[in-house]
Amino acid sequence: MYSDRFEEEITKLKADNISGSEEIVRKAMKIVDIEIESEPGKYKNIGDLSEMLSKVMKIKKEMAVLKNVLIYFIDFYHQGVALEDISDRILEKLDMQQECIIEKLLPHLKKSKSIMTFSRSSTIVKSLVQLSEITNKQYLPELTLFEARPALEGKKFALEATEAGYVVNYLVDAAVGIALKTFKPDMVLVGADTIFPNGNIANKIGSHSLANFAYQYNVPFYVVSSTLKLLLKAVPFSIQSYNSSQIWSKEKPENVKLFNPYFEVIPANLIKGYFTEHGFSKNIPDVKVGIEKEYIHKMYE
């Protein structure tokens, strides 16, 4: 049984609606690492961690990356990596994947005069910050960002972008159509919380509308994500309603039913291509993972 401290930290992480999926993973791995270090005699094998890892996997059910990270966790264990070192190995892998994505993405960002994005992908943020460090401020592309309600992670992104020297157009989510028509971006970039085997993605609510308008105005819509977020096989995906008080907290009429979804699915036919650690591809890279392994099958049940 894990500690009360672990339970408290995981509960806080569940309530984190600003961090992207990769940041959630990094924070989760640090929580696991601290738990193992604080109880060195308690966790001696992967079986001792099963309850704790199951808790991590359920932080955000829509984030396939949490399930896949645990597959890496178990894989490292079977390779003989000590339990106390596995979280660090996973974080190193994440860092390497993100660095590869940024390296592949930067040349495309350099050519752009106007970029639009939605919500807040940590990889897109870091890519734009790196671009600002190697580019004269007057030649940086103009950015168009949206609130990304209800958590307003778009506002945090806008503050980060202006601090890096970007000019930012900031709009409400419902303005995606007029924004595309008005600002005419060279590209739309979004992250992904899950990539399905057929190329569909799950991302922050509002992304589908942006993809539809991008398609209508012939603006390429690209996904920026590591293949760690790729589901290894098709599994049911349900849209959940999150804390309803975020959209109406006081004096709500009894007959008003609240639905506060955070994620939605964007079909592959609206996506022009994918920037992953393998480079740019019009289709999802073919990632070979031993799904025949028993523990992977169990995690996908």
Protein backbone atom coordinates (compact mmCIF):
# COMPACT_ATOMS: atom_id res chain seq x y z
CA MET A 1 0.00 0.00 0.00
CA TYR A 2 1.35 3.41 -0.96
CA SER A 3 1.75 6.26 1.51
CA ASP A 4 -0.68 9.07 2.33
CA ARG A 5 1.82 11.49 0.81
CA PHE A 6 1.63 9.64 -2.51
CA GLU A 7 -2.17 9.71 -2.41
CA GLU A 8 -2.17 13.47 -1.72
CA GLU A 9 0.28 14.23 -4.54
CA ILE A 10 -1.65 12.14 -7.06
CA THR A 11 -4.90 13.86 -6.03
CA LYS A 12 -3.25 17.25 -6.67
CA LEU A 13 -2.02 16.05 -10.05
CA LYS A 14 -5.53 14.92 -11.00
CA ALA A 15 -6.69 18.48 -10.39
CA ASP A 16 -3.93 19.93 -12.60
CA ASN A 17 -5.77 21.17 -15.69
CA ILE A 18 -3.03 23.46 -16.99
CA SER A 19 -0.15 21.05 -17.60
CA GLY A 20 -0.01 19.13 -20.86
CA SER A 21 0.07 15.34 -20.92
CA GLU A 22 3.86 15.15 -21.07
CA GLU A 23 4.19 17.47 -18.08
CA ILE A 24 1.66 15.31 -16.21
CA VAL A 25 3.84 12.27 -16.91
CA ARG A 26 6.99 14.02 -15.70
CA LYS A 27 5.29 15.07 -12.48
CA ALA A 28 3.84 11.58 -11.98
CA MET A 29 7.24 9.92 -12.43
CA LYS A 30 8.77 12.26 -9.86
CA ILE A 31 6.00 11.39 -7.39
CA VAL A 32 6.65 7.68 -7.95
CA ASP A 33 10.40 8.19 -7.61
CA ILE A 34 10.04 10.02 -4.29
CA GLU A 35 7.68 7.32 -3.01
CA ILE A 36 10.17 4.54 -3.82
CA GLU A 37 13.07 6.46 -2.27
CA SER A 38 11.11 7.25 0.89
CA GLU A 39 10.23 3.57 1.45
CA PRO A 40 13.33 1.67 0.25
CA GLY A 41 12.39 -1.57 1.98
CA LYS A 42 8.77 -1.50 0.92
CA TYR A 43 9.17 -1.67 -2.86
CA LYS A 44 11.44 -4.56 -3.83
CA ASN A 45 9.87 -5.77 -7.09
CA ILE A 46 7.38 -4.71 -9.75
CA GLY A 47 4.55 -6.50 -7.94
CA ASP A 48 5.00 -4.22 -4.94
CA LEU A 49 4.40 -1.25 -7.26
CA SER A 50 1.29 -2.55 -9.02
CA GLU A 51 -1.25 -0.66 -6.91
CA MET A 52 0.73 2.57 -7.12
CA LEU A 53 1.27 2.30 -10.89
CA SER A 54 -2.43 1.56 -11.40
CA LYS A 55 -3.20 4.79 -9.56
CA VAL A 56 -0.86 6.71 -11.89
CA MET A 57 -2.51 5.23 -14.97
CA LYS A 58 -5.90 6.61 -13.88
CA ILE A 59 -4.78 10.22 -13.27
CA LYS A 60 -6.27 11.25 -16.62
CA LYS A 61 -8.03 8.40 -18.39
CA GLU A 62 -7.94 10.21 -21.74
CA MET A 63 -4.12 10.35 -21.71
CA ALA A 64 -2.76 7.19 -23.34
CA VAL A 65 0.73 8.35 -22.47
CA LEU A 66 0.18 7.35 -18.82
CA LYS A 67 -0.57 3.77 -19.83
CA ASN A 68 2.35 3.64 -22.25
CA VAL A 69 4.77 5.10 -19.70
CA LEU A 70 3.90 2.26 -17.35
CA ILE A 71 4.69 -0.19 -20.14
CA TYR A 72 8.12 1.44 -20.36
CA PHE A 73 8.35 1.21 -16.58
CA ILE A 74 7.74 -2.52 -16.59
CA ASP A 75 9.97 -3.01 -19.63
CA PHE A 76 12.91 -1.31 -17.89
CA TYR A 77 12.33 -3.54 -14.87
CA HIS A 78 12.46 -6.67 -17.04
CA GLN A 79 15.70 -5.34 -18.53
CA GLY A 80 17.22 -5.37 -15.05
CA VAL A 81 17.06 -1.65 -14.23
CA ALA A 82 16.79 -1.04 -10.48
CA LEU A 83 13.36 0.17 -9.35
CA GLU A 84 14.80 3.38 -7.90
CA ASP A 85 16.37 4.25 -11.27
CA ILE A 86 13.44 3.54 -13.60
CA SER A 87 11.68 6.91 -13.27
CA ASP A 88 14.91 8.70 -14.18
CA ARG A 89 15.35 6.44 -17.21
CA ILE A 90 11.80 7.24 -18.37
CA LEU A 91 12.37 10.97 -17.94
CA GLU A 92 15.60 10.68 -19.94
CA LYS A 93 13.65 8.95 -22.70
CA LEU A 94 11.04 11.71 -22.66
CA ASP A 95 13.76 14.36 -22.86
CA MET A 96 15.40 12.65 -25.83
CA GLN A 97 12.09 12.33 -27.68
CA GLN A 98 11.20 15.96 -27.05
CA GLU A 99 14.63 17.18 -28.18
CA CYS A 100 14.25 15.18 -31.40
CA ILE A 101 10.79 16.65 -32.07
CA ILE A 102 12.01 20.22 -31.49
CA GLU A 103 14.98 19.64 -33.80
CA LYS A 104 12.64 18.41 -36.56
CA LEU A 105 10.08 21.18 -35.99
CA LEU A 106 12.36 24.23 -35.79
CA PRO A 107 13.14 24.49 -39.55
CA HIS A 108 9.40 24.67 -40.26
CA LEU A 109 8.85 27.31 -37.57
CA LYS A 110 11.67 29.44 -39.01
CA LYS A 111 9.86 29.64 -42.36
CA SER A 112 6.56 30.75 -40.83
CA LYS A 113 5.30 34.29 -40.44
CA SER A 114 2.13 33.37 -38.59
CA ILE A 115 1.36 30.33 -36.42
CA MET A 116 -1.86 29.36 -34.67
CA THR A 117 -2.20 26.85 -31.85
CA PHE A 118 -4.70 25.75 -29.24
CA SER A 119 -4.38 24.89 -25.55
CA ARG A 120 -0.80 24.50 -24.35
CA SER A 121 1.55 21.79 -25.59
CA SER A 122 4.81 21.86 -23.62
CA THR A 123 6.72 20.70 -26.72
CA ILE A 124 5.28 23.52 -28.84
CA VAL A 125 6.05 26.02 -26.06
CA LYS A 126 9.67 24.84 -25.82
CA SER A 127 10.05 24.84 -29.61
CA LEU A 128 8.88 28.45 -29.84
CA VAL A 129 11.11 29.50 -26.94
CA GLN A 130 14.12 27.90 -28.66
CA LEU A 131 13.20 29.68 -31.89
CA SER A 132 13.13 33.02 -30.03
CA GLU A 133 16.64 32.36 -28.71
CA ILE A 134 18.14 31.98 -32.20
CA THR A 135 16.01 34.50 -34.12
CA ASN A 136 15.96 38.29 -34.17
CA LYS A 137 12.75 39.33 -32.41
CA GLN A 138 11.49 41.29 -35.44
CA TYR A 139 11.55 38.12 -37.54
CA LEU A 140 9.65 35.91 -35.10
CA PRO A 141 6.29 34.61 -36.40
CA GLU A 142 3.12 36.18 -35.06
CA LEU A 143 1.21 33.81 -32.79
CA THR A 144 -2.53 33.38 -32.47
CA LEU A 145 -3.68 31.70 -29.26
CA PHE A 146 -7.02 31.00 -27.61
CA GLU A 147 -8.22 30.94 -24.00
CA ALA A 148 -8.69 27.15 -23.92
CA ARG A 149 -11.51 27.25 -21.42
CA PRO A 150 -12.27 26.38 -18.73
CA ALA A 151 -8.75 26.15 -17.28
CA LEU A 152 -7.38 28.98 -19.48
CA GLU A 153 -4.05 27.29 -20.22
CA GLY A 154 -3.97 29.43 -23.38
CA LYS A 155 -3.52 32.47 -21.15
CA LYS A 156 -0.45 30.91 -19.56
CA PHE A 157 0.89 30.16 -23.04
CA ALA A 158 0.30 33.79 -24.10
CA LEU A 159 2.28 35.06 -21.11
CA GLU A 160 5.14 32.66 -21.88
CA ALA A 161 5.14 33.66 -25.54
CA THR A 162 5.19 37.42 -24.95
CA GLU A 163 8.00 36.96 -22.41
CA ALA A 164 9.96 35.20 -25.18
CA GLY A 165 9.43 38.18 -27.49
CA TYR A 166 6.43 37.11 -29.59
CA VAL A 167 3.52 39.26 -30.70
CA VAL A 168 0.35 37.37 -29.71
CA ASN A 169 -3.24 37.58 -30.90
CA TYR A 170 -5.40 36.25 -28.05
CA LEU A 171 -9.03 35.29 -28.57
CA VAL A 172 -11.93 33.42 -26.98
CA ASP A 173 -12.35 29.81 -28.10
CA ALA A 174 -15.50 30.51 -30.12
CA ALA A 175 -13.54 32.85 -32.39
CA VAL A 176 -11.44 30.14 -34.08
CA GLY A 177 -13.24 30.56 -37.39
CA ILE A 178 -12.90 34.32 -37.67
CA ALA A 179 -9.34 34.08 -36.34
CA LEU A 180 -8.29 31.80 -39.21
CA LYS A 181 -9.97 34.09 -41.72
CA THR A 182 -8.49 37.25 -40.18
CA PHE A 183 -4.92 36.26 -39.33
CA LYS A 184 -4.33 33.73 -42.14
CA PRO A 185 -1.71 31.58 -40.35
CA ASP A 186 0.82 29.54 -42.31
CA MET A 187 0.05 26.56 -40.11
CA VAL A 188 -1.93 25.34 -37.12
CA LEU A 189 -0.04 23.32 -34.53
CA VAL A 190 -1.57 21.32 -31.70
CA GLY A 191 -0.27 18.74 -29.26
CA ALA A 192 -2.02 15.46 -28.51
CA ASP A 193 -3.08 13.71 -25.35
CA THR A 194 -3.68 10.45 -27.21
CA ILE A 195 -2.94 9.27 -30.76
CA PHE A 196 -5.12 6.42 -31.98
CA PRO A 197 -3.82 3.68 -34.30
CA ASN A 198 -5.93 5.10 -37.16
CA GLY A 199 -4.34 8.56 -36.88
CA ASN A 200 -7.17 10.24 -34.95
CA ILE A 201 -6.06 12.20 -31.90
CA ALA A 202 -7.60 13.26 -28.62
CA ASN A 203 -6.82 16.81 -27.56
CA LYS A 204 -8.27 19.71 -25.58
CA ILE A 205 -11.92 20.54 -26.26
CA GLY A 206 -12.08 23.14 -29.02
CA SER A 207 -9.34 21.54 -31.13
CA HIS A 208 -11.87 19.82 -33.41
CA SER A 209 -13.53 23.12 -34.31
CA LEU A 210 -10.12 24.61 -35.08
CA ALA A 211 -9.27 21.61 -37.28
CA ASN A 212 -12.56 21.96 -39.17
CA PHE A 213 -12.01 25.65 -39.86
CA ALA A 214 -8.39 25.04 -40.82
CA TYR A 215 -9.60 22.48 -43.35
CA GLN A 216 -12.21 24.92 -44.65
CA TYR A 217 -9.65 27.71 -45.13
CA ASN A 218 -6.97 25.36 -46.50
CA VAL A 219 -4.55 25.95 -43.62
CA PRO A 220 -2.42 22.88 -42.76
CA PHE A 221 -3.29 21.40 -39.36
CA TYR A 222 -0.33 19.56 -37.79
CA VAL A 223 0.04 17.44 -34.65
CA VAL A 224 3.21 17.76 -32.55
CA SER A 225 3.67 14.76 -30.26
CA SER A 226 5.96 11.92 -29.28
CA THR A 227 4.86 8.43 -30.27
CA LEU A 228 4.75 7.64 -26.56
CA LYS A 229 1.15 8.89 -26.82
CA LEU A 230 0.26 6.36 -29.50
CA LEU A 231 -2.18 3.67 -28.41
CA LEU A 232 -0.76 0.29 -29.31
CA LYS A 233 -4.18 -1.02 -30.21
CA ALA A 234 -7.68 0.36 -30.50
CA VAL A 235 -9.48 0.71 -27.17
CA PRO A 236 -12.81 2.37 -26.26
CA PHE A 237 -12.53 6.11 -25.66
CA SER A 238 -15.16 7.90 -23.61
CA ILE A 239 -15.62 11.64 -23.18
CA GLN A 240 -15.82 12.53 -19.50
CA SER A 241 -17.30 15.57 -17.81
CA TYR A 242 -14.95 17.32 -15.39
CA ASN A 243 -15.65 19.68 -12.50
CA SER A 244 -18.88 21.47 -13.49
CA SER A 245 -18.27 24.34 -11.06
CA GLN A 246 -15.63 25.61 -13.48
CA ILE A 247 -18.36 26.69 -15.88
CA TRP A 248 -21.21 27.57 -13.49
CA SER A 249 -20.54 27.64 -9.77
CA LYS A 250 -23.27 29.78 -8.21
CA GLU A 251 -27.04 30.24 -8.55
CA LYS A 252 -27.43 27.56 -11.21
CA PRO A 253 -31.09 26.75 -11.96
CA GLU A 254 -31.99 23.18 -11.06
CA ASN A 255 -33.03 22.37 -14.63
CA VAL A 256 -29.65 23.37 -16.11
CA LYS A 257 -27.50 20.27 -16.56
CA LEU A 258 -23.79 20.94 -16.86
CA PHE A 259 -21.39 19.05 -19.12
CA ASN A 260 -17.72 20.04 -18.94
CA PRO A 261 -15.65 17.84 -21.29
CA TYR A 262 -11.93 18.54 -21.42
CA PHE A 263 -11.03 16.38 -24.39
CA GLU A 264 -12.43 15.48 -27.80
CA VAL A 265 -11.39 13.44 -30.82
CA ILE A 266 -10.02 15.05 -34.00
CA PRO A 267 -10.34 12.75 -37.06
CA ALA A 268 -7.24 11.94 -39.09
CA ASN A 269 -8.74 13.29 -42.33
CA LEU A 270 -8.41 16.83 -40.90
CA ILE A 271 -4.75 16.34 -39.97
CA LYS A 272 -2.13 17.27 -42.57
CA GLY A 273 0.73 15.52 -40.80
CA TYR A 274 2.51 14.61 -37.58
CA PHE A 275 5.77 15.90 -36.10
CA THR A 276 7.20 13.16 -33.88
CA GLU A 277 10.66 12.13 -32.70
CA HIS A 278 10.94 10.29 -36.03
CA GLY A 279 10.49 13.51 -38.03
CA PHE A 280 7.57 14.69 -40.15
CA SER A 281 5.12 12.19 -41.59
CA LYS A 282 1.76 12.48 -43.30
CA ASN A 283 0.70 9.36 -41.43
CA ILE A 284 1.35 8.01 -37.96
CA PRO A 285 4.81 6.39 -37.80
CA ASP A 286 4.73 2.61 -37.53
CA VAL A 287 5.96 2.07 -33.97
CA LYS A 288 6.86 -1.53 -33.28
CA VAL A 289 6.27 -2.49 -29.66
CA GLY A 290 5.94 -6.02 -28.30
CA ILE A 291 2.22 -5.90 -27.66
CA GLU A 292 2.25 -9.70 -27.55
CA LYS A 293 3.85 -9.42 -24.11
CA GLU A 294 1.42 -10.54 -21.44
CA TYR A 295 1.73 -7.46 -19.22
CA ILE A 296 0.98 -5.15 -22.17
CA HIS A 297 -2.13 -7.12 -23.02
CA LYS A 298 -3.32 -6.82 -19.43
CA MET A 299 -2.81 -3.05 -19.41
CA TYR A 300 -4.90 -2.71 -22.57
CA GLU A 301 -7.82 -4.77 -21.28
